[in-house]
PDB file of N, CA and C in Angstrom:
ATOM      1  N   MET A   1      -6.024 -14.187  50.958  1.00  0.00           N
ATOM      2  CA  MET A   1      -5.952 -13.799  52.328  1.00  0.00           C
ATOM      3  C   MET A   1      -6.785 -14.740  53.191  1.00  0.00           C
ATOM      4  N   PHE A   2      -7.985 -15.105  52.711  1.00  0.00           N
ATOM      5  CA  PHE A   2      -8.821 -16.012  53.487  1.00  0.00           C
ATOM      6  C   PHE A   2      -8.254 -17.430  53.498  1.00  0.00           C
ATOM      7  N   MET A   3      -7.544 -17.799  52.436  1.00  0.00           N
ATOM      8  CA  MET A   3      -6.925 -19.125  52.415  1.00  0.00           C
ATOM      9  C   MET A   3      -5.839 -19.229  53.484  1.00  0.00           C
ATOM     10  N   LEU A   4      -5.163 -18.129  53.778  1.00  0.00           N
ATOM     11  CA  LEU A   4      -4.182 -18.138  54.855  1.00  0.00           C
ATOM     12  C   LEU A   4      -4.842 -18.331  56.212  1.00  0.00           C
ATOM     13  N   LEU A   5      -6.120 -17.996  56.314  1.00  0.00           N
ATOM     14  CA  LEU A   5      -6.886 -18.206  57.540  1.00  0.00           C
ATOM     15  C   LEU A   5      -7.610 -19.550  57.544  1.00  0.00           C
ATOM     16  N   ASP A   6      -7.283 -20.413  56.577  1.00  0.00           N
ATOM     17  CA  ASP A   6      -7.895 -21.737  56.412  1.00  0.00           C
ATOM     18  C   ASP A   6      -9.393 -21.662  56.120  1.00  0.00           C
ATOM     19  N   ILE A   7      -9.802 -20.634  55.395  1.00  0.00           N
ATOM     20  CA  ILE A   7     -11.184 -20.530  54.935  1.00  0.00           C
ATOM     21  C   ILE A   7     -11.188 -20.926  53.465  1.00  0.00           C
ATOM     22  N   PRO A   8     -11.935 -21.986  53.112  1.00  0.00           N
ATOM     23  CA  PRO A   8     -11.928 -22.445  51.711  1.00  0.00           C
ATOM     24  C   PRO A   8     -12.482 -21.380  50.758  1.00  0.00           C
ATOM     25  N   PRO A   9     -12.010 -21.356  49.521  1.00  0.00           N
ATOM     26  CA  PRO A   9     -12.502 -20.381  48.535  1.00  0.00           C
ATOM     27  C   PRO A   9     -14.003 -20.513  48.279  1.00  0.00           C
ATOM     28  N   GLU A  10     -14.534 -21.721  48.403  1.00  0.00           N
ATOM     29  CA  GLU A  10     -15.958 -21.931  48.173  1.00  0.00           C
ATOM     30  C   GLU A  10     -16.794 -21.200  49.221  1.00  0.00           C
ATOM     31  N   VAL A  11     -16.326 -21.202  50.456  1.00  0.00           N
ATOM     32  CA  VAL A  11     -17.036 -20.497  51.523  1.00  0.00           C
ATOM     33  C   VAL A  11     -16.972 -18.993  51.287  1.00  0.00           C
ATOM     34  N   THR A  12     -15.819 -18.509  50.856  1.00  0.00           N
ATOM     35  CA  THR A  12     -15.669 -17.078  50.553  1.00  0.00           C
ATOM     36  C   THR A  12     -16.627 -16.667  49.444  1.00  0.00           C
ATOM     37  N   GLN A  13     -16.749 -17.497  48.416  1.00  0.00           N
ATOM     38  CA  GLN A  13     -17.659 -17.183  47.321  1.00  0.00           C
ATOM     39  C   GLN A  13     -19.114 -17.229  47.776  1.00  0.00           C
ATOM     40  N   ALA A  14     -19.462 -18.174  48.628  1.00  0.00           N
ATOM     41  CA  ALA A  14     -20.833 -18.264  49.133  1.00  0.00           C
ATOM     42  C   ALA A  14     -21.195 -17.026  49.937  1.00  0.00           C
ATOM     43  N   VAL A  15     -20.288 -16.573  50.788  1.00  0.00           N
ATOM     44  CA  VAL A  15     -20.548 -15.378  51.593  1.00  0.00           C
ATOM     45  C   VAL A  15     -20.639 -14.143  50.699  1.00  0.00           C
ATOM     46  N   TYR A  16     -19.793 -14.052  49.675  1.00  0.00           N
ATOM     47  CA  TYR A  16     -19.863 -12.935  48.736  1.00  0.00           C
ATOM     48  C   TYR A  16     -21.206 -12.917  48.013  1.00  0.00           C
ATOM     49  N   ARG A  17     -21.669 -14.077  47.579  1.00  0.00           N
ATOM     50  CA  ARG A  17     -22.944 -14.148  46.864  1.00  0.00           C
ATOM     51  C   ARG A  17     -24.116 -13.764  47.753  1.00  0.00           C
ATOM     52  N   ILE A  18     -24.035 -14.117  49.036  1.00  0.00           N
ATOM     53  CA  ILE A  18     -25.080 -13.712  49.978  1.00  0.00           C
ATOM     54  C   ILE A  18     -25.129 -12.190  50.071  1.00  0.00           C
ATOM     55  N   ALA A  19     -23.980 -11.571  50.259  1.00  0.00           N
ATOM     56  CA  ALA A  19     -23.936 -10.112  50.403  1.00  0.00           C
ATOM     57  C   ALA A  19     -24.343  -9.413  49.103  1.00  0.00           C
ATOM     58  N   ASP A  20     -23.938  -9.954  47.967  1.00  0.00           N
ATOM     59  CA  ASP A  20     -24.236  -9.327  46.688  1.00  0.00           C
ATOM     60  C   ASP A  20     -25.708  -9.454  46.322  1.00  0.00           C
ATOM     61  N   SER A  21     -26.306 -10.603  46.591  1.00  0.00           N
ATOM     62  CA  SER A  21     -27.697 -10.811  46.198  1.00  0.00           C
ATOM     63  C   SER A  21     -28.658  -9.940  46.999  1.00  0.00           C
ATOM     64  N   CYS A  22     -28.283  -9.571  48.198  1.00  0.00           N
ATOM     65  CA  CYS A  22     -29.167  -8.749  49.030  1.00  0.00           C
ATOM     66  C   CYS A  22     -29.275  -7.323  48.517  1.00  0.00           C
ATOM     67  N   THR A  23     -28.249  -6.824  47.895  1.00  0.00           N
ATOM     68  CA  THR A  23     -28.275  -5.438  47.416  1.00  0.00           C
ATOM     69  C   THR A  23     -28.827  -5.311  45.998  1.00  0.00           C
ATOM     70  N   ASN A  24     -29.042  -6.409  45.311  1.00  0.00           N
ATOM     71  CA  ASN A  24     -29.522  -6.341  43.930  1.00  0.00           C
ATOM     72  C   ASN A  24     -30.910  -5.715  43.819  1.00  0.00           C
ATOM     73  N   ALA A  25     -31.756  -5.877  44.825  1.00  0.00           N
ATOM     74  CA  ALA A  25     -33.105  -5.314  44.751  1.00  0.00           C
ATOM     75  C   ALA A  25     -33.097  -3.799  44.871  1.00  0.00           C
ATOM     76  N   ALA A  26     -32.075  -3.237  45.471  1.00  0.00           N
ATOM     77  CA  ALA A  26     -32.064  -1.795  45.733  1.00  0.00           C
ATOM     78  C   ALA A  26     -31.126  -1.014  44.831  1.00  0.00           C
ATOM     79  N   THR A  27     -30.445  -1.655  43.918  1.00  0.00           N
ATOM     80  CA  THR A  27     -29.510  -0.914  43.074  1.00  0.00           C
ATOM     81  C   THR A  27     -30.222  -0.297  41.871  1.00  0.00           C
ATOM     82  N   PRO A  28     -30.015   0.988  41.647  1.00  0.00           N
ATOM     83  CA  PRO A  28     -30.632   1.630  40.481  1.00  0.00           C
ATOM     84  C   PRO A  28     -30.039   1.166  39.150  1.00  0.00           C
ATOM     85  N   MET A  29     -28.935   0.432  39.190  1.00  0.00           N
ATOM     86  CA  MET A  29     -28.309  -0.044  37.954  1.00  0.00           C
ATOM     87  C   MET A  29     -29.019  -1.276  37.387  1.00  0.00           C
ATOM     88  N   SER A  30     -29.912  -1.863  38.146  1.00  0.00           N
ATOM     89  CA  SER A  30     -30.638  -3.039  37.683  1.00  0.00           C
ATOM     90  C   SER A  30     -31.705  -2.640  36.662  1.00  0.00           C
ATOM     91  N   ALA A  31     -31.868  -3.451  35.633  1.00  0.00           N
ATOM     92  CA  ALA A  31     -32.903  -3.184  34.629  1.00  0.00           C
ATOM     93  C   ALA A  31     -34.293  -3.312  35.250  1.00  0.00           C
ATOM     94  N   TYR A  32     -34.442  -4.178  36.212  1.00  0.00           N
ATOM     95  CA  TYR A  32     -35.737  -4.371  36.857  1.00  0.00           C
ATOM     96  C   TYR A  32     -36.101  -3.201  37.764  1.00  0.00           C
ATOM     97  N   PHE A  33     -35.111  -2.437  38.207  1.00  0.00           N
ATOM     98  CA  PHE A  33     -35.379  -1.275  39.056  1.00  0.00           C
ATOM     99  C   PHE A  33     -36.233  -0.266  38.304  1.00  0.00           C
ATOM    100  N   VAL A  34     -35.903  -0.022  37.051  1.00  0.00           N
ATOM    101  CA  VAL A  34     -36.654   0.936  36.237  1.00  0.00           C
ATOM    102  C   VAL A  34     -38.061   0.418  35.977  1.00  0.00           C
ATOM    103  N   MET A  35     -38.177  -0.877  35.706  1.00  0.00           N
ATOM    104  CA  MET A  35     -39.497  -1.459  35.471  1.00  0.00           C
ATOM    105  C   MET A  35     -40.356  -1.390  36.731  1.00  0.00           C
ATOM    106  N   THR A  36     -39.746  -1.663  37.886  1.00  0.00           N
ATOM    107  CA  THR A  36     -40.465  -1.594  39.146  1.00  0.00           C
ATOM    108  C   THR A  36     -40.876  -0.160  39.449  1.00  0.00           C
ATOM    109  N   LEU A  37     -40.016   0.793  39.142  1.00  0.00           N
ATOM    110  CA  LEU A  37     -40.355   2.195  39.341  1.00  0.00           C
ATOM    111  C   LEU A  37     -41.565   2.584  38.496  1.00  0.00           C
ATOM    112  N   GLY A  38     -41.644   2.071  37.299  1.00  0.00           N
ATOM    113  CA  GLY A  38     -42.810   2.332  36.447  1.00  0.00           C
ATOM    114  C   GLY A  38     -44.090   1.770  37.039  1.00  0.00           C
ATOM    115  N   VAL A  39     -44.020   0.593  37.623  1.00  0.00           N
ATOM    116  CA  VAL A  39     -45.201  -0.006  38.250  1.00  0.00           C
ATOM    117  C   VAL A  39     -45.606   0.790  39.489  1.00  0.00           C
ATOM    118  N   VAL A  40     -44.630   1.202  40.289  1.00  0.00           N
ATOM    119  CA  VAL A  40     -44.929   1.994  41.492  1.00  0.00           C
ATOM    120  C   VAL A  40     -45.550   3.334  41.099  1.00  0.00           C
ATOM    121  N   GLN A  41     -45.048   3.961  40.038  1.00  0.00           N
ATOM    122  CA  GLN A  41     -45.586   5.246  39.605  1.00  0.00           C
ATOM    123  C   GLN A  41     -46.992   5.123  39.038  1.00  0.00           C
ATOM    124  N   ARG A  42     -47.384   3.950  38.628  1.00  0.00           N
ATOM    125  CA  ARG A  42     -48.755   3.738  38.172  1.00  0.00           C
ATOM    126  C   ARG A  42     -49.744   3.951  39.318  1.00  0.00           C
ATOM    127  N   TYR A  43     -49.344   3.560  40.525  1.00  0.00           N
ATOM    128  CA  TYR A  43     -50.225   3.664  41.679  1.00  0.00           C
ATOM    129  C   TYR A  43     -49.951   4.897  42.531  1.00  0.00           C
ATOM    130  N   ARG A  44     -48.748   5.461  42.440  1.00  0.00           N
ATOM    131  CA  ARG A  44     -48.400   6.680  43.176  1.00  0.00           C
ATOM    132  C   ARG A  44     -47.586   7.561  42.240  1.00  0.00           C
ATOM    133  N   ARG A  45     -48.235   8.551  41.663  1.00  0.00           N
ATOM    134  CA  ARG A  45     -47.612   9.405  40.640  1.00  0.00           C
ATOM    135  C   ARG A  45     -46.362  10.117  41.144  1.00  0.00           C
ATOM    136  N   SER A  46     -46.328  10.493  42.409  1.00  0.00           N
ATOM    137  CA  SER A  46     -45.197  11.271  42.928  1.00  0.00           C
ATOM    138  C   SER A  46     -43.985  10.413  43.297  1.00  0.00           C
ATOM    139  N   ALA A  47     -44.074   9.107  43.099  1.00  0.00           N
ATOM    140  CA  ALA A  47     -42.975   8.202  43.474  1.00  0.00           C
ATOM    141  C   ALA A  47     -41.766   8.430  42.569  1.00  0.00           C
ATOM    142  N   GLY A  48     -40.600   8.364  43.191  1.00  0.00           N
ATOM    143  CA  GLY A  48     -39.350   8.508  42.447  1.00  0.00           C
ATOM    144  C   GLY A  48     -38.363   7.449  42.900  1.00  0.00           C
ATOM    145  N   ILE A  49     -37.112   7.668  42.588  1.00  0.00           N
ATOM    146  CA  ILE A  49     -36.070   6.712  42.949  1.00  0.00           C
ATOM    147  C   ILE A  49     -35.951   6.574  44.462  1.00  0.00           C
ATOM    148  N   GLY A  50     -36.034   7.680  45.175  1.00  0.00           N
ATOM    149  CA  GLY A  50     -35.947   7.639  46.639  1.00  0.00           C
ATOM    150  C   GLY A  50     -37.084   6.847  47.261  1.00  0.00           C
ATOM    151  N   THR A  51     -38.277   6.988  46.717  1.00  0.00           N
ATOM    152  CA  THR A  51     -39.423   6.230  47.223  1.00  0.00           C
ATOM    153  C   THR A  51     -39.207   4.737  47.024  1.00  0.00           C
ATOM    154  N   LEU A  52     -38.760   4.374  45.847  1.00  0.00           N
ATOM    155  CA  LEU A  52     -38.533   2.955  45.582  1.00  0.00           C
ATOM    156  C   LEU A  52     -37.398   2.398  46.439  1.00  0.00           C
ATOM    157  N   LEU A  53     -36.343   3.171  46.633  1.00  0.00           N
ATOM    158  CA  LEU A  53     -35.253   2.730  47.499  1.00  0.00           C
ATOM    159  C   LEU A  53     -35.732   2.545  48.935  1.00  0.00           C
ATOM    160  N   SER A  54     -36.569   3.470  49.414  1.00  0.00           N
ATOM    161  CA  SER A  54     -37.066   3.345  50.784  1.00  0.00           C
ATOM    162  C   SER A  54     -38.017   2.159  50.926  1.00  0.00           C
ATOM    163  N   LEU A  55     -38.648   1.754  49.855  1.00  0.00           N
ATOM    164  CA  LEU A  55     -39.523   0.574  49.903  1.00  0.00           C
ATOM    165  C   LEU A  55     -38.738  -0.730  49.816  1.00  0.00           C
ATOM    166  N   THR A  56     -37.620  -0.733  49.109  1.00  0.00           N
ATOM    167  CA  THR A  56     -36.856  -1.966  48.934  1.00  0.00           C
ATOM    168  C   THR A  56     -35.777  -2.174  49.995  1.00  0.00           C
ATOM    169  N   LEU A  57     -35.400  -1.129  50.705  1.00  0.00           N
ATOM    170  CA  LEU A  57     -34.354  -1.268  51.713  1.00  0.00           C
ATOM    171  C   LEU A  57     -34.723  -2.250  52.837  1.00  0.00           C
ATOM    172  N   PRO A  58     -35.938  -2.209  53.386  1.00  0.00           N
ATOM    173  CA  PRO A  58     -36.285  -3.223  54.397  1.00  0.00           C
ATOM    174  C   PRO A  58     -36.232  -4.648  53.838  1.00  0.00           C
ATOM    175  N   LEU A  59     -36.630  -4.821  52.588  1.00  0.00           N
ATOM    176  CA  LEU A  59     -36.545  -6.141  51.960  1.00  0.00           C
ATOM    177  C   LEU A  59     -35.091  -6.606  51.887  1.00  0.00           C
ATOM    178  N   CYS A  60     -34.193  -5.702  51.533  1.00  0.00           N
ATOM    179  CA  CYS A  60     -32.767  -6.049  51.457  1.00  0.00           C
ATOM    180  C   CYS A  60     -32.231  -6.475  52.819  1.00  0.00           C
ATOM    181  N   LEU A  61     -32.609  -5.764  53.856  1.00  0.00           N
ATOM    182  CA  LEU A  61     -32.129  -6.095  55.196  1.00  0.00           C
ATOM    183  C   LEU A  61     -32.678  -7.433  55.680  1.00  0.00           C
ATOM    184  N   VAL A  62     -33.956  -7.691  55.407  1.00  0.00           N
ATOM    185  CA  VAL A  62     -34.551  -8.979  55.789  1.00  0.00           C
ATOM    186  C   VAL A  62     -33.883 -10.120  55.036  1.00  0.00           C
ATOM    187  N   MET A  63     -33.621  -9.919  53.743  1.00  0.00           N
ATOM    188  CA  MET A  63     -32.939 -10.953  52.963  1.00  0.00           C
ATOM    189  C   MET A  63     -31.534 -11.208  53.492  1.00  0.00           C
ATOM    190  N   LEU A  64     -30.821 -10.146  53.869  1.00  0.00           N
ATOM    191  CA  LEU A  64     -29.470 -10.299  54.401  1.00  0.00           C
ATOM    192  C   LEU A  64     -29.487 -11.101  55.694  1.00  0.00           C
ATOM    193  N   VAL A  65     -30.406 -10.800  56.582  1.00  0.00           N
ATOM    194  CA  VAL A  65     -30.499 -11.533  57.844  1.00  0.00           C
ATOM    195  C   VAL A  65     -30.881 -12.992  57.592  1.00  0.00           C
ATOM    196  N   ALA A  66     -31.856 -13.226  56.716  1.00  0.00           N
ATOM    197  CA  ALA A  66     -32.318 -14.593  56.445  1.00  0.00           C
ATOM    198  C   ALA A  66     -31.212 -15.437  55.805  1.00  0.00           C
ATOM    199  N   TRP A  67     -30.532 -14.891  54.779  1.00  0.00           N
ATOM    200  CA  TRP A  67     -29.462 -15.637  54.118  1.00  0.00           C
ATOM    201  C   TRP A  67     -28.293 -15.899  55.061  1.00  0.00           C
ATOM    202  N   THR A  68     -27.993 -14.920  55.919  1.00  0.00           N
ATOM    203  CA  THR A  68     -26.890 -15.086  56.868  1.00  0.00           C
ATOM    204  C   THR A  68     -27.217 -16.172  57.887  1.00  0.00           C
ATOM    205  N   LEU A  69     -28.445 -16.172  58.393  1.00  0.00           N
ATOM    206  CA  LEU A  69     -28.852 -17.223  59.331  1.00  0.00           C
ATOM    207  C   LEU A  69     -28.834 -18.599  58.669  1.00  0.00           C
ATOM    208  N   LEU A  70     -29.264 -18.665  57.423  1.00  0.00           N
ATOM    209  CA  LEU A  70     -29.233 -19.938  56.698  1.00  0.00           C
ATOM    210  C   LEU A  70     -27.793 -20.404  56.507  1.00  0.00           C
ATOM    211  N   PHE A  71     -26.894 -19.487  56.186  1.00  0.00           N
ATOM    212  CA  PHE A  71     -25.495 -19.871  56.021  1.00  0.00           C
ATOM    213  C   PHE A  71     -24.900 -20.360  57.333  1.00  0.00           C
ATOM    214  N   TYR A  72     -25.192 -19.670  58.435  1.00  0.00           N
ATOM    215  CA  TYR A  72     -24.676 -20.108  59.743  1.00  0.00           C
ATOM    216  C   TYR A  72     -25.223 -21.476  60.126  1.00  0.00           C
ATOM    217  N   ALA A  73     -26.486 -21.731  59.819  1.00  0.00           N
ATOM    218  CA  ALA A  73     -27.060 -23.052  60.094  1.00  0.00           C
ATOM    219  C   ALA A  73     -26.357 -24.115  59.241  1.00  0.00           C
ATOM    220  N   TRP A  74     -26.121 -23.796  57.991  1.00  0.00           N
ATOM    221  CA  TRP A  74     -25.413 -24.709  57.072  1.00  0.00           C
ATOM    222  C   TRP A  74     -24.017 -25.000  57.612  1.00  0.00           C
ATOM    223  N   TRP A  75     -23.340 -23.946  58.062  1.00  0.00           N
ATOM    224  CA  TRP A  75     -21.980 -24.047  58.608  1.00  0.00           C
ATOM    225  C   TRP A  75     -21.989 -24.895  59.888  1.00  0.00           C
ATOM    226  N   ALA A  76     -22.949 -24.642  60.772  1.00  0.00           N
ATOM    227  CA  ALA A  76     -23.011 -25.353  62.051  1.00  0.00           C
ATOM    228  C   ALA A  76     -23.297 -26.837  61.854  1.00  0.00           C
ATOM    229  N   LEU A  77     -24.127 -27.172  60.874  1.00  0.00           N
ATOM    230  CA  LEU A  77     -24.447 -28.572  60.607  1.00  0.00           C
ATOM    231  C   LEU A  77     -23.326 -29.290  59.866  1.00  0.00           C
ATOM    232  N   GLY A  78     -22.444 -28.537  59.243  1.00  0.00           N
ATOM    233  CA  GLY A  78     -21.324 -29.132  58.518  1.00  0.00           C
ATOM    234  C   GLY A  78     -21.722 -29.754  57.192  1.00  0.00           C
ATOM    235  N   VAL A  79     -22.808 -29.286  56.615  1.00  0.00           N
ATOM    236  CA  VAL A  79     -23.276 -29.804  55.327  1.00  0.00           C
ATOM    237  C   VAL A  79     -22.325 -29.309  54.240  1.00  0.00           C
ATOM    238  N   PRO A  80     -21.858 -30.191  53.351  1.00  0.00           N
ATOM    239  CA  PRO A  80     -20.926 -29.757  52.301  1.00  0.00           C
ATOM    240  C   PRO A  80     -21.585 -28.771  51.341  1.00  0.00           C
ATOM    241  N   LEU A  81     -20.788 -27.862  50.794  1.00  0.00           N
ATOM    242  CA  LEU A  81     -21.282 -26.889  49.839  1.00  0.00           C
ATOM    243  C   LEU A  81     -21.487 -27.492  48.443  1.00  0.00           C
ATOM    244  N   GLY A  82     -20.843 -28.604  48.198  1.00  0.00           N
ATOM    245  CA  GLY A  82     -20.968 -29.268  46.904  1.00  0.00           C
ATOM    246  C   GLY A  82     -20.239 -30.600  46.981  1.00  0.00           C
ATOM    247  N   PRO A  83     -20.160 -31.319  45.858  1.00  0.00           N
ATOM    248  CA  PRO A  83     -19.470 -32.606  45.868  1.00  0.00           C
ATOM    249  C   PRO A  83     -17.979 -32.426  46.181  1.00  0.00           C
ATOM    250  N   GLY A  84     -17.545 -33.000  47.261  1.00  0.00           N
ATOM    251  CA  GLY A  84     -16.135 -32.942  47.635  1.00  0.00           C
ATOM    252  C   GLY A  84     -15.679 -31.601  48.180  1.00  0.00           C
ATOM    253  N   VAL A  85     -16.618 -30.758  48.580  1.00  0.00           N
ATOM    254  CA  VAL A  85     -16.271 -29.420  49.087  1.00  0.00           C
ATOM    255  C   VAL A  85     -16.810 -29.297  50.513  1.00  0.00           C
ATOM    256  N   PRO A  86     -15.972 -29.537  51.491  1.00  0.00           N
ATOM    257  CA  PRO A  86     -16.452 -29.391  52.874  1.00  0.00           C
ATOM    258  C   PRO A  86     -16.609 -27.917  53.250  1.00  0.00           C
ATOM    259  N   VAL A  87     -17.495 -27.661  54.199  1.00  0.00           N
ATOM    260  CA  VAL A  87     -17.705 -26.293  54.664  1.00  0.00           C
ATOM    261  C   VAL A  87     -16.512 -25.828  55.484  1.00  0.00           C
ATOM    262  N   ARG A  88     -15.989 -26.737  56.291  1.00  0.00           N
ATOM    263  CA  ARG A  88     -14.858 -26.348  57.160  1.00  0.00           C
ATOM    264  C   ARG A  88     -13.594 -26.993  56.693  1.00  0.00           C
TER     265      ARG A  88
END
């Protein structure tokens, strides 16, 4: 669908990776989520999944904004995504 809009597949994959990487810190399915919860509970016994999610959600939003701004800057400068892969 994006190829019909003249958006290269490499750009689609880059945008997908930006969106996916931002949510990795807040997903309970991550193995590191359980380890982080254990560390948080060491310092705050009453901490649970909701506490950890509320602590990581601002980080996810900041990462999303930062990665998106970096991608737009990359796009505006016209820097290639890789060898022989133009952004536009």
